[in-house]
Amino acid sequence: MSTPLVLVAHGSRSDAADAVVQAIARAARERLGIEVRVAYVDVRRPSVIDAVEGLTEAVVLPAFLASGYHVRTDLPAQLEMAGVSPARFVVTPALGPDPLLVRAALARLADAGHRIGDTVVLAAAGSSDPAALAEVGATGRMLSEAVGRPVAVGFAATATPRIEPLVASLRAAGARRISVASWLLAPGVFHSRLLAAGADVVGEPLGAHPAVLDALVARYRVGAGAVLTAA
C-alpha cells in the first residue's frame, strides 16, 4: 500500500480558502491514487494531531509558499505531540518556493489580464521570519527572470513594503499599468488586500493549478522514498 499524504495548511476562517485546500487534496488523491488527509496548524480543524491519528506512516507536506515559523517550528512540534516516529512520518520541504509555482502565478496573472510591459509586483502574505522573507525574495527573482524585467516584492501583512504603499510609490514613479502576481495559495483576507491595493491587474491565488499539483507530486515522491528507505 502506498504511503499516505498529510497535506498541512495554515488554516483560515474563510470557507473559500478551505475549499481550495480541499480541491488540492482531491487533485492529489486522483493524481497519486493514495490516501490524502488535510490538516491545519492553526484556526481550523482537523489539527495535525487529528489528521495523523491511526496512521503508521505518512508523507507530511506543508502547503506553505515559504518556510516560516509554522513550517520550521509549529508543525514539527505538533507532530512530536502526536507521538509519531520522525522516520516514518517524513516532513517534506514547503510547497514553495518552486519554479513550478512561479509558472502557476504567471498563468493566474495572464488570466487576469496582464500585458507585456506592465510593471510587475509579487505580493506575498508576509512573515517576521527572515528566512521566509529571503525565500519570497528568491521567488521575486525567479518571476523577474520569467517576465524579463525587474519585479518588486510587496506584502499583505507583517513585512514591508506593504502592498498598497508599494503600488502607490510605483504609480508615483511613473508606472502606467501595474500587475500584481499573487503569491498566496488561497483566497481570504490577504488576497482582499491585494485587490484593494490600487493595481490594474491582480492575479488569483495559485489554488489547484496543474503546476501546483506538479510541485506537490514531486515533493510527495521524494518524501515517500524516504519513508521506504526507513522501513
C-alpha atoms as a PDB file:
ATOM      1  CA  MET A   1       0.000   0.000   0.000  1.00  0.00           C
ATOM      2  CA  SER A   2       1.300   3.470  -0.880  1.00  0.00           C
ATOM      3  CA  THR A   3       2.314   5.877   1.850  1.00  0.00           C
ATOM      4  CA  PRO A   4      -0.500   8.305   2.730  1.00  0.00           C
ATOM      5  CA  LEU A   5      -0.096  12.055   2.278  1.00  0.00           C
ATOM      6  CA  VAL A   6      -0.967  14.548   5.014  1.00  0.00           C
ATOM      7  CA  LEU A   7      -1.379  17.954   3.385  1.00  0.00           C
ATOM      8  CA  VAL A   8      -0.852  20.628   6.035  1.00  0.00           C
ATOM      9  CA  ALA A   9      -2.116  24.182   5.501  1.00  0.00           C
ATOM     10  CA  HIS A  10      -2.217  27.205   7.781  1.00  0.00           C
ATOM     11  CA  GLY A  11      -5.959  27.316   8.374  1.00  0.00           C
ATOM     12  CA  SER A  12      -8.423  30.119   7.742  1.00  0.00           C
ATOM     13  CA  ARG A  13     -11.897  31.143   8.825  1.00  0.00           C
ATOM     14  CA  SER A  14     -12.672  31.540   5.123  1.00  0.00           C
ATOM     15  CA  ASP A  15     -14.663  28.652   3.675  1.00  0.00           C
ATOM     16  CA  ALA A  16     -13.332  29.649   0.257  1.00  0.00           C
ATOM     17  CA  ALA A  17      -9.768  29.094   1.491  1.00  0.00           C
ATOM     18  CA  ASP A  18     -10.726  25.702   2.910  1.00  0.00           C
ATOM     19  CA  ALA A  19     -12.360  24.805  -0.420  1.00  0.00           C
ATOM     20  CA  VAL A  20      -9.078  25.479  -2.230  1.00  0.00           C
ATOM     21  CA  VAL A  21      -7.100  23.252   0.147  1.00  0.00           C
ATOM     22  CA  GLN A  22      -9.695  20.503  -0.242  1.00  0.00           C
ATOM     23  CA  ALA A  23      -9.528  20.871  -4.039  1.00  0.00           C
ATOM     24  CA  ILE A  24      -5.748  20.463  -3.964  1.00  0.00           C
ATOM     25  CA  ALA A  25      -6.153  17.376  -1.772  1.00  0.00           C
ATOM     26  CA  ARG A  26      -8.719  15.865  -4.169  1.00  0.00           C
ATOM     27  CA  ALA A  27      -6.468  16.520  -7.147  1.00  0.00           C
ATOM     28  CA  ALA A  28      -3.506  14.932  -5.339  1.00  0.00           C
ATOM     29  CA  ARG A  29      -5.646  11.926  -4.443  1.00  0.00           C
ATOM     30  CA  GLU A  30      -6.661  11.471  -8.078  1.00  0.00           C
ATOM     31  CA  ARG A  31      -3.148  12.027  -9.445  1.00  0.00           C
ATOM     32  CA  LEU A  32      -1.334   9.765  -6.977  1.00  0.00           C
ATOM     33  CA  GLY A  33      -4.034   7.192  -6.172  1.00  0.00           C
ATOM     34  CA  ILE A  34      -3.290   7.358  -2.439  1.00  0.00           C
ATOM     35  CA  GLU A  35      -4.994   8.351   0.784  1.00  0.00           C
ATOM     36  CA  VAL A  36      -4.731  12.111   1.294  1.00  0.00           C
ATOM     37  CA  ARG A  37      -5.674  13.806   4.554  1.00  0.00           C
ATOM     38  CA  VAL A  38      -5.900  17.558   5.181  1.00  0.00           C
ATOM     39  CA  ALA A  39      -4.645  19.154   8.401  1.00  0.00           C
ATOM     40  CA  TYR A  40      -4.287  22.708   9.681  1.00  0.00           C
ATOM     41  CA  VAL A  41      -1.701  24.128  12.055  1.00  0.00           C
ATOM     42  CA  ASP A  42      -3.990  26.926  13.239  1.00  0.00           C
ATOM     43  CA  VAL A  43      -7.566  28.293  13.237  1.00  0.00           C
ATOM     44  CA  ARG A  44      -9.297  25.332  11.622  1.00  0.00           C
ATOM     45  CA  ARG A  45      -9.666  21.610  12.168  1.00  0.00           C
ATOM     46  CA  PRO A  46      -8.689  18.865  11.684  1.00  0.00           C
ATOM     47  CA  SER A  47      -5.452  19.583  13.504  1.00  0.00           C
ATOM     48  CA  VAL A  48      -2.209  17.831  12.626  1.00  0.00           C
ATOM     49  CA  ILE A  49      -2.702  15.565  15.648  1.00  0.00           C
ATOM     50  CA  ASP A  50      -6.206  14.666  14.417  1.00  0.00           C
ATOM     51  CA  ALA A  51      -5.025  14.002  10.872  1.00  0.00           C
ATOM     52  CA  VAL A  52      -2.233  11.551  11.729  1.00  0.00           C
ATOM     53  CA  GLU A  53      -4.373   9.502  14.111  1.00  0.00           C
ATOM     54  CA  GLY A  54      -4.466   5.845  13.059  1.00  0.00           C
ATOM     55  CA  LEU A  55      -1.626   6.179  10.552  1.00  0.00           C
ATOM     56  CA  THR A  56       1.568   4.186  10.905  1.00  0.00           C
ATOM     57  CA  GLU A  57       3.446   6.286   8.340  1.00  0.00           C
ATOM     58  CA  ALA A  58       2.889   9.320   6.116  1.00  0.00           C
ATOM     59  CA  VAL A  59       4.459  11.967   3.964  1.00  0.00           C
ATOM     60  CA  VAL A  60       3.672  15.282   5.676  1.00  0.00           C
ATOM     61  CA  LEU A  61       3.692  18.102   3.143  1.00  0.00           C
ATOM     62  CA  PRO A  62       3.461  21.738   4.312  1.00  0.00           C
ATOM     63  CA  ALA A  63       1.242  23.597   1.830  1.00  0.00           C
ATOM     64  CA  PHE A  64       3.040  26.875   2.503  1.00  0.00           C
ATOM     65  CA  LEU A  65       4.784  29.136  -0.004  1.00  0.00           C
ATOM     66  CA  ALA A  66       7.697  29.895   2.335  1.00  0.00           C
ATOM     67  CA  SER A  67       9.284  28.135   5.311  1.00  0.00           C
ATOM     68  CA  GLY A  68       8.348  30.394   8.192  1.00  0.00           C
ATOM     69  CA  TYR A  69       7.513  29.671  11.832  1.00  0.00           C
ATOM     70  CA  HIS A  70       4.614  27.311  11.132  1.00  0.00           C
ATOM     71  CA  VAL A  71       6.746  25.112   8.875  1.00  0.00           C
ATOM     72  CA  ARG A  72      10.006  25.096  10.828  1.00  0.00           C
ATOM     73  CA  THR A  73       8.685  25.175  14.404  1.00  0.00           C
ATOM     74  CA  ASP A  74       4.942  24.710  14.783  1.00  0.00           C
ATOM     75  CA  LEU A  75       4.462  21.684  12.526  1.00  0.00           C
ATOM     76  CA  PRO A  76       7.368  19.637  13.981  1.00  0.00           C
ATOM     77  CA  ALA A  77       6.125  20.448  17.497  1.00  0.00           C
ATOM     78  CA  GLN A  78       2.615  19.245  16.667  1.00  0.00           C
ATOM     79  CA  LEU A  79       3.958  16.025  15.159  1.00  0.00           C
ATOM     80  CA  GLU A  80       6.017  15.481  18.299  1.00  0.00           C
ATOM     81  CA  MET A  81       2.882  15.990  20.400  1.00  0.00           C
ATOM     82  CA  ALA A  82       1.151  13.368  18.250  1.00  0.00           C
ATOM     83  CA  GLY A  83       3.890  10.912  19.219  1.00  0.00           C
ATOM     84  CA  VAL A  84       4.709   9.800  15.675  1.00  0.00           C
ATOM     85  CA  SER A  85       8.060   8.458  14.514  1.00  0.00           C
ATOM     86  CA  PRO A  86      10.132  11.042  12.601  1.00  0.00           C
ATOM     87  CA  ALA A  87      11.492   8.223  10.436  1.00  0.00           C
ATOM     88  CA  ARG A  88       8.004   7.039   9.461  1.00  0.00           C
ATOM     89  CA  PHE A  89       6.391  10.490   9.176  1.00  0.00           C
ATOM     90  CA  VAL A  90       8.652  12.351   6.766  1.00  0.00           C
ATOM     91  CA  VAL A  91       8.126  16.108   6.511  1.00  0.00           C
ATOM     92  CA  THR A  92       8.919  17.450   3.046  1.00  0.00           C
ATOM     93  CA  PRO A  93      10.126  20.959   2.268  1.00  0.00           C
ATOM     94  CA  ALA A  94       7.342  23.520   1.986  1.00  0.00           C
ATOM     95  CA  LEU A  95       5.466  23.676  -1.300  1.00  0.00           C
ATOM     96  CA  GLY A  96       7.199  26.934  -2.178  1.00  0.00           C
ATOM     97  CA  PRO A  97       9.356  28.482  -3.339  1.00  0.00           C
ATOM     98  CA  ASP A  98       9.428  26.493  -6.565  1.00  0.00           C
ATOM     99  CA  PRO A  99       9.743  27.419 -10.259  1.00  0.00           C
ATOM    100  CA  LEU A 100       6.591  25.389 -10.918  1.00  0.00           C
ATOM    101  CA  LEU A 101       4.644  27.673  -8.593  1.00  0.00           C
ATOM    102  CA  VAL A 102       6.081  30.718 -10.346  1.00  0.00           C
ATOM    103  CA  ARG A 103       4.670  29.235 -13.544  1.00  0.00           C
ATOM    104  CA  ALA A 104       1.281  28.961 -11.839  1.00  0.00           C
ATOM    105  CA  ALA A 105       1.465  32.571 -10.607  1.00  0.00           C
ATOM    106  CA  LEU A 106       2.247  33.770 -14.136  1.00  0.00           C
ATOM    107  CA  ALA A 107      -0.674  31.798 -15.545  1.00  0.00           C
ATOM    108  CA  ARG A 108      -3.033  33.343 -12.988  1.00  0.00           C
ATOM    109  CA  LEU A 109      -1.656  36.781 -13.836  1.00  0.00           C
ATOM    110  CA  ALA A 110      -2.159  36.225 -17.574  1.00  0.00           C
ATOM    111  CA  ASP A 111      -5.735  35.085 -16.950  1.00  0.00           C
ATOM    112  CA  ALA A 112      -6.348  38.309 -15.006  1.00  0.00           C
ATOM    113  CA  GLY A 113      -5.258  40.496 -17.938  1.00  0.00           C
ATOM    114  CA  HIS A 114      -1.529  41.086 -17.533  1.00  0.00           C
ATOM    115  CA  ARG A 115       0.085  42.745 -20.559  1.00  0.00           C
ATOM    116  CA  ILE A 116       3.687  42.659 -21.713  1.00  0.00           C
ATOM    117  CA  GLY A 117       5.284  45.861 -20.448  1.00  0.00           C
ATOM    118  CA  ASP A 118       3.256  46.088 -17.235  1.00  0.00           C
ATOM    119  CA  THR A 119       5.135  46.866 -14.044  1.00  0.00           C
ATOM    120  CA  VAL A 120       5.013  43.590 -12.103  1.00  0.00           C
ATOM    121  CA  VAL A 121       4.758  43.136  -8.339  1.00  0.00           C
ATOM    122  CA  LEU A 122       4.975  39.834  -6.482  1.00  0.00           C
ATOM    123  CA  ALA A 123       2.687  40.010  -3.446  1.00  0.00           C
ATOM    124  CA  ALA A 124       3.074  37.578  -0.556  1.00  0.00           C
ATOM    125  CA  ALA A 125       1.399  37.282   2.828  1.00  0.00           C
ATOM    126  CA  GLY A 126       4.473  38.358   4.771  1.00  0.00           C
ATOM    127  CA  SER A 127       6.383  36.942   7.721  1.00  0.00           C
ATOM    128  CA  SER A 128       8.519  38.010  10.663  1.00  0.00           C
ATOM    129  CA  ASP A 129      10.958  35.212   9.806  1.00  0.00           C
ATOM    130  CA  PRO A 130      13.995  36.464   7.832  1.00  0.00           C
ATOM    131  CA  ALA A 131      14.465  33.054   6.183  1.00  0.00           C
ATOM    132  CA  ALA A 132      10.887  33.065   4.887  1.00  0.00           C
ATOM    133  CA  LEU A 133      11.300  36.609   3.573  1.00  0.00           C
ATOM    134  CA  ALA A 134      14.507  35.563   1.821  1.00  0.00           C
ATOM    135  CA  GLU A 135      12.569  32.791   0.085  1.00  0.00           C
ATOM    136  CA  VAL A 136       9.981  35.293  -1.113  1.00  0.00           C
ATOM    137  CA  GLY A 137      12.826  37.458  -2.410  1.00  0.00           C
ATOM    138  CA  ALA A 138      14.205  34.459  -4.303  1.00  0.00           C
ATOM    139  CA  THR A 139      10.763  33.904  -5.785  1.00  0.00           C
ATOM    140  CA  GLY A 140      10.692  37.522  -6.912  1.00  0.00           C
ATOM    141  CA  ARG A 141      13.966  36.960  -8.753  1.00  0.00           C
ATOM    142  CA  MET A 142      12.558  33.855 -10.441  1.00  0.00           C
ATOM    143  CA  LEU A 143       9.499  35.831 -11.522  1.00  0.00           C
ATOM    144  CA  SER A 144      11.713  38.661 -12.767  1.00  0.00           C
ATOM    145  CA  GLU A 145      13.647  36.234 -14.932  1.00  0.00           C
ATOM    146  CA  ALA A 146      10.399  34.803 -16.296  1.00  0.00           C
ATOM    147  CA  VAL A 147       8.896  38.180 -17.277  1.00  0.00           C
ATOM    148  CA  GLY A 148      12.199  39.676 -18.427  1.00  0.00           C
ATOM    149  CA  ARG A 149      12.028  42.798 -16.276  1.00  0.00           C
ATOM    150  CA  PRO A 150      12.504  43.847 -12.649  1.00  0.00           C
ATOM    151  CA  VAL A 151       9.851  42.691 -10.203  1.00  0.00           C
ATOM    152  CA  ALA A 152       9.090  44.487  -6.944  1.00  0.00           C
ATOM    153  CA  VAL A 153       8.075  42.439  -3.901  1.00  0.00           C
ATOM    154  CA  GLY A 154       5.335  43.551  -1.512  1.00  0.00           C
ATOM    155  CA  PHE A 155       3.429  42.061   1.395  1.00  0.00           C
ATOM    156  CA  ALA A 156      -0.157  41.946   2.588  1.00  0.00           C
ATOM    157  CA  ALA A 157       0.906  41.901   6.262  1.00  0.00           C
ATOM    158  CA  THR A 158       3.770  41.503   8.770  1.00  0.00           C
ATOM    159  CA  ALA A 159       6.598  42.683   6.495  1.00  0.00           C
ATOM    160  CA  THR A 160       7.482  45.739   4.428  1.00  0.00           C
ATOM    161  CA  PRO A 161       6.924  47.165   1.934  1.00  0.00           C
ATOM    162  CA  ARG A 162       3.186  46.723   2.291  1.00  0.00           C
ATOM    163  CA  ILE A 163       1.404  46.214  -0.981  1.00  0.00           C
ATOM    164  CA  GLU A 164      -0.747  49.380  -1.012  1.00  0.00           C
ATOM    165  CA  PRO A 165       2.049  51.934  -0.456  1.00  0.00           C
ATOM    166  CA  LEU A 166       4.282  49.962  -2.830  1.00  0.00           C
ATOM    167  CA  VAL A 167       1.721  50.225  -5.626  1.00  0.00           C
ATOM    168  CA  ALA A 168       1.265  53.920  -4.849  1.00  0.00           C
ATOM    169  CA  SER A 169       5.022  54.542  -4.982  1.00  0.00           C
ATOM    170  CA  LEU A 170       5.355  52.728  -8.292  1.00  0.00           C
ATOM    171  CA  ARG A 171       2.479  54.782  -9.679  1.00  0.00           C
ATOM    172  CA  ALA A 172       4.119  57.985  -8.451  1.00  0.00           C
ATOM    173  CA  ALA A 173       7.367  56.915 -10.138  1.00  0.00           C
ATOM    174  CA  GLY A 174       5.582  56.718 -13.481  1.00  0.00           C
ATOM    175  CA  ALA A 175       4.258  53.154 -13.779  1.00  0.00           C
ATOM    176  CA  ARG A 176       1.282  53.274 -16.139  1.00  0.00           C
ATOM    177  CA  ARG A 177      -0.078  49.763 -15.593  1.00  0.00           C
ATOM    178  CA  ILE A 178       0.710  47.611 -12.573  1.00  0.00           C
ATOM    179  CA  SER A 179       0.133  43.866 -12.420  1.00  0.00           C
ATOM    180  CA  VAL A 180       0.231  42.100  -9.062  1.00  0.00           C
ATOM    181  CA  ALA A 181       1.095  38.399  -9.054  1.00  0.00           C
ATOM    182  CA  SER A 182      -0.475  36.781  -6.007  1.00  0.00           C
ATOM    183  CA  TRP A 183       1.971  34.631  -4.033  1.00  0.00           C
ATOM    184  CA  LEU A 184      -0.890  33.186  -1.998  1.00  0.00           C
ATOM    185  CA  LEU A 185      -2.297  29.692  -2.117  1.00  0.00           C
ATOM    186  CA  ALA A 186      -5.930  30.534  -1.408  1.00  0.00           C
ATOM    187  CA  PRO A 187      -8.333  33.492  -1.160  1.00  0.00           C
ATOM    188  CA  GLY A 188      -9.043  35.273   2.113  1.00  0.00           C
ATOM    189  CA  VAL A 189      -8.177  38.471   3.944  1.00  0.00           C
ATOM    190  CA  PHE A 190      -4.715  38.764   2.427  1.00  0.00           C
ATOM    191  CA  HIS A 191      -5.949  38.421  -1.156  1.00  0.00           C
ATOM    192  CA  SER A 192      -8.619  41.036  -0.432  1.00  0.00           C
ATOM    193  CA  ARG A 193      -5.816  43.427   0.497  1.00  0.00           C
ATOM    194  CA  LEU A 194      -4.131  42.789  -2.840  1.00  0.00           C
ATOM    195  CA  LEU A 195      -7.369  43.556  -4.664  1.00  0.00           C
ATOM    196  CA  ALA A 196      -7.718  46.832  -2.746  1.00  0.00           C
ATOM    197  CA  ALA A 197      -4.128  47.997  -3.328  1.00  0.00           C
ATOM    198  CA  GLY A 198      -4.869  50.014  -6.471  1.00  0.00           C
ATOM    199  CA  ALA A 199      -3.178  47.857  -9.119  1.00  0.00           C
ATOM    200  CA  ASP A 200      -4.631  47.491 -12.610  1.00  0.00           C
ATOM    201  CA  VAL A 201      -4.424  43.701 -12.586  1.00  0.00           C
ATOM    202  CA  VAL A 202      -4.332  41.232  -9.690  1.00  0.00           C
ATOM    203  CA  GLY A 203      -3.813  37.538 -10.340  1.00  0.00           C
ATOM    204  CA  GLU A 204      -5.877  34.994  -8.472  1.00  0.00           C
ATOM    205  CA  PRO A 205      -4.217  32.858  -5.757  1.00  0.00           C
ATOM    206  CA  LEU A 206      -2.368  29.781  -7.018  1.00  0.00           C
ATOM    207  CA  GLY A 207      -5.055  27.342  -5.902  1.00  0.00           C
ATOM    208  CA  ALA A 208      -5.184  23.913  -7.521  1.00  0.00           C
ATOM    209  CA  HIS A 209      -3.385  24.998 -10.692  1.00  0.00           C
ATOM    210  CA  PRO A 210      -1.831  21.986 -12.512  1.00  0.00           C
ATOM    211  CA  ALA A 211       1.683  23.352 -11.880  1.00  0.00           C
ATOM    212  CA  VAL A 212       0.917  23.421  -8.137  1.00  0.00           C
ATOM    213  CA  LEU A 213      -0.035  19.751  -8.374  1.00  0.00           C
ATOM    214  CA  ASP A 214       3.188  19.013 -10.249  1.00  0.00           C
ATOM    215  CA  ALA A 215       5.201  20.566  -7.409  1.00  0.00           C
ATOM    216  CA  LEU A 216       3.176  18.681  -4.805  1.00  0.00           C
ATOM    217  CA  VAL A 217       3.663  15.341  -6.569  1.00  0.00           C
ATOM    218  CA  ALA A 218       7.414  15.908  -6.806  1.00  0.00           C
ATOM    219  CA  ARG A 219       7.599  16.692  -3.080  1.00  0.00           C
ATOM    220  CA  TYR A 220       5.482  13.650  -2.218  1.00  0.00           C
ATOM    221  CA  ARG A 221       7.554  11.219  -4.249  1.00  0.00           C
ATOM    222  CA  VAL A 222      10.814  12.282  -2.604  1.00  0.00           C
ATOM    223  CA  GLY A 223       9.174  12.017   0.827  1.00  0.00           C
ATOM    224  CA  ALA A 224       7.668   8.621   0.064  1.00  0.00           C
ATOM    225  CA  GLY A 225      11.094   7.383  -0.994  1.00  0.00           C
ATOM    226  CA  ALA A 226      12.492   8.476   2.361  1.00  0.00           C
ATOM    227  CA  VAL A 227       9.726   6.588   4.190  1.00  0.00           C
ATOM    228  CA  LEU A 228      10.509   3.414   2.220  1.00  0.00           C
ATOM    229  CA  THR A 229      14.203   3.766   2.990  1.00  0.00           C
ATOM    230  CA  ALA A 230      13.409   3.961   6.696  1.00  0.00           C
ATOM    231  CA  ALA A 231      11.160   0.905   6.600  1.00  0.00           C
END
